[in-house]
Protein backbone atom coordinates (compact mmCIF):
# COMPACT_ATOMS: atom_id res chain seq x y z
CA UNK A 1 118.47 89.34 97.58
CA UNK A 2 118.18 91.92 100.34
CA UNK A 3 121.51 92.96 101.84
CA UNK A 4 123.43 91.20 99.06
CA UNK A 5 122.62 92.86 95.75
CA UNK A 6 122.03 96.54 95.05
CA UNK A 7 121.51 98.90 92.08
CA UNK A 8 125.28 99.33 91.59
CA UNK A 9 125.89 95.58 91.35
CA UNK A 10 122.97 95.11 88.95
CA UNK A 11 124.18 97.97 86.75
CA UNK A 12 127.61 96.43 86.43
CA UNK A 13 126.28 92.94 85.68
CA UNK A 14 123.79 94.27 83.13
CA UNK A 15 126.64 96.21 81.51
CA UNK A 16 128.46 92.94 80.85
CA UNK A 17 125.59 91.45 78.84
CA UNK A 18 123.21 92.14 76.02
CA UNK A 19 119.46 91.44 76.04
CA UNK A 20 120.10 88.27 74.04
CA UNK A 21 122.24 86.93 76.89
CA UNK A 22 120.39 88.22 79.96
CA UNK A 23 116.65 88.59 79.59
CA UNK A 24 115.93 90.57 82.74
CA UNK A 25 116.69 91.18 86.40
CA UNK A 26 114.85 92.03 89.61
CA UNK A 27 115.54 94.40 92.45
CA UNK A 28 116.22 93.05 95.91
CA UNK A 29 112.85 92.71 97.61
CA UNK A 30 111.26 95.82 99.10
CA UNK A 31 109.55 95.10 102.40
CA UNK A 32 105.99 96.44 102.52
CA UNK A 33 104.75 96.13 106.09
CA UNK A 34 103.33 99.18 107.90
CA UNK A 35 103.19 101.75 105.09
CA UNK A 36 103.21 101.65 101.32
CA UNK A 37 106.55 102.41 99.71
CA UNK A 38 106.82 105.80 98.02
CA UNK A 39 107.87 106.48 94.44
CA UNK A 40 111.12 108.01 95.68
CA UNK A 41 111.89 104.98 97.83
CA UNK A 42 111.14 102.56 95.00
CA UNK A 43 113.29 104.55 92.57
CA UNK A 44 116.19 104.39 95.01
CA UNK A 45 116.01 100.59 95.04
CA UNK A 46 115.46 100.35 91.29
CA UNK A 47 118.36 102.66 90.48
CA UNK A 48 118.90 104.59 87.25
CA UNK A 49 117.92 102.95 83.97
CA UNK A 50 121.19 102.53 82.06
CA UNK A 51 120.55 99.29 80.15
CA UNK A 52 118.00 98.02 77.63
CA UNK A 53 117.65 94.94 79.85
CA UNK A 54 114.50 95.33 82.00
CA UNK A 55 114.67 95.35 85.80
CA UNK A 56 111.49 94.40 87.65
CA UNK A 57 110.54 95.65 91.10
CA UNK A 58 110.17 92.90 93.69
CA UNK A 59 107.86 93.40 96.68
CA UNK A 60 107.41 91.36 99.85
CA UNK A 61 104.58 91.74 102.33
CA UNK A 62 101.29 90.30 103.52
CA UNK A 63 98.95 93.32 103.44
CA UNK A 64 97.08 93.31 100.12
CA UNK A 65 96.17 97.00 100.19
CA UNK A 66 99.69 98.19 100.97
CA UNK A 67 101.17 95.90 98.32
CA UNK A 68 98.67 97.14 95.76
CA UNK A 69 99.38 100.78 96.54
CA UNK A 70 103.11 100.17 96.33
CA UNK A 71 102.67 98.34 93.02
CA UNK A 72 100.78 101.33 91.63
CA UNK A 73 103.62 103.61 92.70
CA UNK A 74 106.16 101.33 91.02
CA UNK A 75 104.24 101.42 87.75
CA UNK A 76 104.10 105.21 87.92
CA UNK A 77 107.89 105.45 87.98
CA UNK A 78 108.21 103.11 85.02
CA UNK A 79 108.79 99.63 86.48
CA UNK A 80 108.47 97.16 83.56
CA UNK A 81 107.48 94.22 85.78
CA UNK A 82 106.10 93.72 89.30
CA UNK A 83 107.10 90.63 91.27
CA UNK A 84 105.90 89.25 94.60
CA UNK A 85 108.31 87.39 96.88
CA UNK A 86 106.89 84.28 98.54
CA UNK A 87 110.26 82.64 98.98
CA UNK A 88 112.34 84.53 101.52
CA UNK A 89 113.12 82.13 104.42
CA UNK A 90 114.58 84.78 106.76
CA UNK A 91 113.22 84.87 110.31
CA UNK A 92 112.14 88.49 109.93
CA UNK A 93 109.97 87.62 106.94
CA UNK A 94 108.45 84.62 108.69
CA UNK A 95 107.68 86.61 111.82
CA UNK A 96 105.91 89.20 109.69
CA UNK A 97 103.85 86.50 107.97
CA UNK A 98 105.49 87.40 104.65
CA UNK A 99 107.92 85.76 102.26
CA UNK A 100 108.07 81.97 102.63
CA UNK A 101 105.58 82.10 105.50
CA UNK A 102 102.79 82.45 102.92
CA UNK A 103 103.67 79.07 101.42
CA UNK A 104 101.58 77.65 104.25
CA UNK A 105 98.48 79.44 102.92
CA UNK A 106 97.99 79.14 99.14
CA UNK A 107 94.69 81.03 99.27
CA UNK A 108 96.37 84.01 100.93
CA UNK A 109 99.02 83.93 98.20
CA UNK A 110 96.32 83.92 95.56
CA UNK A 111 94.59 86.91 97.12
CA UNK A 112 97.82 88.91 97.28
CA UNK A 113 98.69 88.14 93.68
CA UNK A 114 95.17 89.11 92.60
CA UNK A 115 95.31 92.40 94.51
CA UNK A 116 98.64 93.39 92.99
CA UNK A 117 97.62 92.24 89.53
CA UNK A 118 94.46 94.34 89.67
CA UNK A 119 96.37 97.39 90.89
CA UNK A 120 99.02 97.03 88.19
CA UNK A 121 96.38 96.60 85.48
CA UNK A 122 94.45 99.64 86.69
CA UNK A 123 97.59 101.79 86.73
CA UNK A 124 99.19 100.54 83.51
CA UNK A 125 96.16 99.70 81.42
CA UNK A 126 97.22 96.07 81.39
CA UNK A 127 100.65 96.66 79.86
CA UNK A 128 102.85 95.75 82.86
CA UNK A 129 103.13 92.03 83.73
CA UNK A 130 102.90 90.65 87.26
CA UNK A 131 104.94 87.71 88.48
CA UNK A 132 105.51 85.84 91.73
CA UNK A 133 108.32 83.75 93.14
CA UNK A 134 107.76 80.77 95.42
CA UNK A 135 109.82 78.00 96.96
CA UNK A 136 108.92 74.36 96.39
CA UNK A 137 107.19 74.34 99.77
CA UNK A 138 107.46 75.30 103.42
CA UNK A 139 108.49 72.10 105.23
CA UNK A 140 108.17 69.76 102.23
CA UNK A 141 107.48 69.90 98.49
CA UNK A 142 104.35 67.74 98.39
CA UNK A 143 102.13 70.73 97.52
CA UNK A 144 104.28 72.53 94.98
CA UNK A 145 101.52 72.09 92.37
CA UNK A 146 98.97 73.73 94.69
CA UNK A 147 101.30 76.67 95.26
CA UNK A 148 101.92 77.08 91.54
CA UNK A 149 98.18 76.96 90.78
CA UNK A 150 97.47 79.56 93.47
CA UNK A 151 99.83 82.01 91.78
CA UNK A 152 98.24 81.30 88.41
CA UNK A 153 94.72 81.65 89.85
CA UNK A 154 95.68 85.04 91.24
CA UNK A 155 96.33 86.22 87.70
CA UNK A 156 100.13 86.20 87.51
CA UNK A 157 101.72 86.25 84.05
CA UNK A 158 104.87 84.44 85.18
CA UNK A 159 105.82 82.11 88.04
CA UNK A 160 109.34 81.61 89.37
CA UNK A 161 109.99 78.50 91.47
CA UNK A 162 113.02 77.99 93.69
CA UNK A 163 113.50 74.23 93.85
CA UNK A 164 114.34 74.12 97.59
CA UNK A 165 111.80 74.34 100.40
CA UNK A 166 111.89 76.94 103.16
CA UNK A 167 113.21 74.27 105.53
CA UNK A 168 116.05 73.41 103.14
CA UNK A 169 117.22 77.00 102.98
CA UNK A 170 120.21 77.17 100.64
CA UNK A 171 121.47 73.61 101.05
CA UNK A 172 123.77 72.22 98.39
CA UNK A 173 121.37 69.51 97.22
CA UNK A 174 118.74 70.42 94.62
CA UNK A 175 115.78 68.54 93.16
CA UNK A 176 114.75 69.89 89.78
CA UNK A 177 111.88 67.39 89.53
CA UNK A 178 109.95 69.83 91.71
CA UNK A 179 110.37 72.47 89.01
CA UNK A 180 109.08 70.02 86.42
CA UNK A 181 106.01 69.32 88.55
CA UNK A 182 105.29 73.02 88.93
CA UNK A 183 105.74 73.72 85.23
CA UNK A 184 103.42 70.85 84.28
CA UNK A 185 100.68 72.04 86.64
CA UNK A 186 100.11 75.54 85.18
CA UNK A 187 99.67 77.14 81.79
CA UNK A 188 101.65 80.32 82.50
CA UNK A 189 105.42 80.39 81.85
CA UNK A 190 107.56 79.08 84.70
CA UNK A 191 111.07 80.24 85.53
CA UNK A 192 113.23 77.68 87.34
CA UNK A 193 115.64 78.73 90.07
CA UNK A 194 118.17 76.95 92.27
CA UNK A 195 121.31 74.94 91.57
CA UNK A 196 122.61 76.96 88.63
CA UNK A 197 126.36 77.26 89.13
CA UNK A 198 127.63 77.57 85.55
CA UNK A 199 126.44 78.65 82.15
CA UNK A 200 125.60 75.14 80.93
CA UNK A 201 123.15 74.73 83.84
CA UNK A 202 120.72 77.23 82.29
CA UNK A 203 119.97 75.00 79.31
CA UNK A 204 120.13 71.83 81.42
CA UNK A 205 117.47 73.17 83.78
CA UNK A 206 115.14 74.14 80.97
CA UNK A 207 115.57 70.82 79.17
CA UNK A 208 115.04 68.72 82.30
CA UNK A 209 112.10 70.63 83.75
CA UNK A 210 110.12 72.16 80.91
CA UNK A 211 110.59 75.61 82.41
CA UNK A 212 110.46 78.43 79.88
CA UNK A 213 113.15 80.42 81.69
CA UNK A 214 115.95 79.94 84.21
CA UNK A 215 117.02 82.32 86.99
CA UNK A 216 120.27 82.57 88.91
CA UNK A 217 120.96 84.48 92.11
CA UNK A 218 124.02 83.49 94.11
CA UNK A 219 125.74 82.04 91.05
CA UNK A 220 125.99 85.54 89.60
CA UNK A 221 127.62 86.82 92.78
CA UNK A 222 130.55 84.48 92.21
CA UNK A 223 130.61 84.88 88.43
CA UNK A 224 129.00 88.04 87.03
CA UNK A 225 129.68 86.70 83.49
CA UNK A 226 127.63 83.52 84.06
CA UNK A 227 124.78 84.61 81.78
CA UNK A 228 127.07 84.75 78.73
CA UNK A 229 129.35 81.85 79.60
CA UNK A 230 132.48 83.92 79.10
CA UNK A 231 135.68 83.04 80.93
CA UNK A 232 136.78 86.24 82.63
CA UNK A 233 140.47 87.06 82.97
CA UNK A 234 141.99 87.78 86.35
CA UNK A 235 142.31 91.42 85.31
CA UNK A 236 138.63 91.58 84.35
CA UNK A 237 137.66 90.14 87.73
CA UNK A 238 139.76 92.67 89.61
CA UNK A 239 138.40 95.49 87.43
CA UNK A 240 134.82 94.48 88.19
CA UNK A 241 135.41 94.41 91.95
CA UNK A 242 137.31 97.71 92.01
CA UNK A 243 134.67 99.41 89.92
CA UNK A 244 131.99 98.00 92.22
CA UNK A 245 133.71 99.50 95.26
CA UNK A 246 134.39 102.84 93.59
CA UNK A 247 130.87 103.15 92.21
CA UNK A 248 129.41 102.46 95.67
CA UNK A 249 131.68 105.13 97.16
CA UNK A 250 130.56 107.58 94.49
CA UNK A 251 126.94 107.24 95.65
CA UNK A 252 127.94 108.63 99.04
CA UNK A 253 125.85 105.97 100.78
CA UNK A 254 128.69 103.77 102.01
CA UNK A 255 132.05 104.25 103.69
CA UNK A 256 135.32 102.80 102.44
CA UNK A 257 135.01 100.02 105.00
CA UNK A 258 131.44 99.39 103.90
CA UNK A 259 132.44 99.18 100.24
CA UNK A 260 135.27 96.78 101.07
CA UNK A 261 132.81 94.69 103.06
CA UNK A 262 130.53 94.36 100.05
CA UNK A 263 133.51 93.32 97.93
CA UNK A 264 134.32 90.64 100.50
CA UNK A 265 130.74 89.37 100.24
CA UNK A 266 131.44 88.66 96.59
CA UNK A 267 134.88 87.21 97.26
CA UNK A 268 133.33 84.65 99.62
CA UNK A 269 131.53 83.17 96.62
CA UNK A 270 133.89 84.17 93.80
CA UNK A 271 134.47 81.53 91.11
CA UNK A 272 135.19 83.61 88.00
CA UNK A 273 138.67 83.61 86.48
CA UNK A 274 141.76 82.85 88.54
CA UNK A 275 141.44 85.65 91.06
CA UNK A 276 140.62 83.13 93.81
CA UNK A 277 142.39 79.94 92.67
CA UNK A 278 142.37 78.20 96.07
CA UNK A 279 140.60 78.38 99.41
CA UNK A 280 143.86 79.64 100.91
CA UNK A 281 143.79 82.53 98.44
CA UNK A 282 140.17 83.21 99.36
CA UNK A 283 141.05 83.41 103.03
CA UNK A 284 143.89 85.78 102.20
CA UNK A 285 141.40 88.18 100.64
CA UNK A 286 138.82 87.77 103.40
CA UNK A 287 141.31 88.22 106.22
CA UNK A 288 142.51 91.57 104.88
CA UNK A 289 141.44 93.95 107.66
CA UNK A 290 142.51 97.21 106.00
CA UNK A 291 139.86 98.23 103.41
CA UNK A 292 142.27 100.52 101.58
CA UNK A 293 144.79 97.71 101.34
CA UNK A 294 142.13 95.31 100.02
CA UNK A 295 141.32 97.64 97.13
CA UNK A 296 144.99 98.40 96.57
CA UNK A 297 145.67 94.67 96.18
CA UNK A 298 142.93 94.46 93.55
CA UNK A 299 144.30 97.52 91.74
CA UNK A 300 147.69 95.82 91.50
CA UNK A 301 146.17 93.60 88.80
CA UNK A 302 145.30 96.80 86.91
CA UNK A 303 148.63 98.53 87.26
CA UNK A 304 147.31 100.52 90.20
CA UNK A 305 144.73 102.43 88.15
CA UNK A 306 141.31 103.62 89.27
CA UNK A 307 138.60 102.21 87.06
CA UNK A 308 135.45 104.20 87.85
CA UNK A 309 133.48 104.67 84.69
CA UNK A 310 135.62 102.27 82.62
CA UNK A 311 132.86 99.71 82.05
CA UNK A 312 129.75 99.99 82.90
CA UNK A 313 116.09 86.94 75.08
CA UNK A 314 113.85 85.09 76.94
CA UNK A 315 112.38 87.29 79.63
CA UNK A 316 113.00 90.39 77.50
CA UNK A 317 110.76 88.91 74.79
CA UNK A 318 108.20 87.95 77.42
CA UNK A 319 108.00 91.55 78.63
CA UNK A 320 107.54 92.66 75.02
CA UNK A 321 104.49 90.44 74.81
CA UNK A 322 105.98 87.56 72.84
CA UNK A 323 105.10 83.99 73.72
CA UNK A 324 108.10 82.10 75.13
CA UNK A 325 109.38 79.12 73.22
C-alpha cells in the first residue's frame, strides 16, 4: 500500500511472527511508468532482509517492456517473488492506465503478466514465481472469472483477488462469493483479500471461498499481531509504535514530525490491545499537535524508555515449491 506501509513497518511486523504464522509479505507497489526501476531503487523499497519470511516485490505499470526490465532487476537483487498490481483504484493509477484501470482490458492484463513471467523465468531460470493481484472488477464483478483466467493465461503462479470492485473502493461491505467464483475458475492457487479484520477471518475466508491463502492489508495496520491471533498488551502496542517512529528516524529519511505522522496513520486504524479503547481516546491521540509530545505519551507506557532495537506456512511453502493444501 503506497504511502501507508514501508520497509520499517514490514520489518517490525515480520519480527512479531514466524513463518508458520505469516507466510509472506509484499512491498508497497513500485510505479513503473517512464523508466525501468533500478536495482538500487528496488532494494530501497524492499529493505534489508532480516527475516526468514519472504517479501515479494510488487510492481504497477502498463508498459510491458519496462515492467519486464524492472522484474529482471528485482530478481537480480534477490526478490523471491514478483507481483503485478491490477487493483490500485487511485486516480493517478487510473490516469496512467495502470492498476485497476487494466481490469477493463483482460487481454492487456494477460500480456503484461506474460511479459513479466518470461522476464523472470529468463533471469531466474524458472525459480522465482510470478503473481498478480486484481480486484473483483472495475464497475461490477460480473467478469471476475474472465479476469482470473487472464492472469492464469499469462502464466502467473498465484492470483490474489480483492473482493471489492474498483468502484467500491474500500467500502465496509464485502462479498466473498466473488472470491469463490475466482478460485473455482482457475487451476492456480488463489489468495483471497478483503474483509479480514481479525485472526478468525483468515480461516473463515479460506473455508467459505476455496482460496488456498488469505491476505490482509489494512487489518494489519490496526493490529500488527493479527497473523498470530495474539492479544497484545497496552505496553506492547506502545512499544511497537515507539519503535516504529524511532526506527524511521534512524533511517534519516523522515523528520520527527513525519515519523509522528506515520504513527498517527496507524492510530487512525488501531484496534490492538487497549491503547485506543474509545473513539474519544483515538481523537486524543490524533489531535496531539506536538510530535515530541505524542511519542512522549507513548513512552509513558514504557516508563519513559527508548525502545530502538528492543524487538525487531502457506505462502512460504508455496515459494519453496510445495503444493498448497
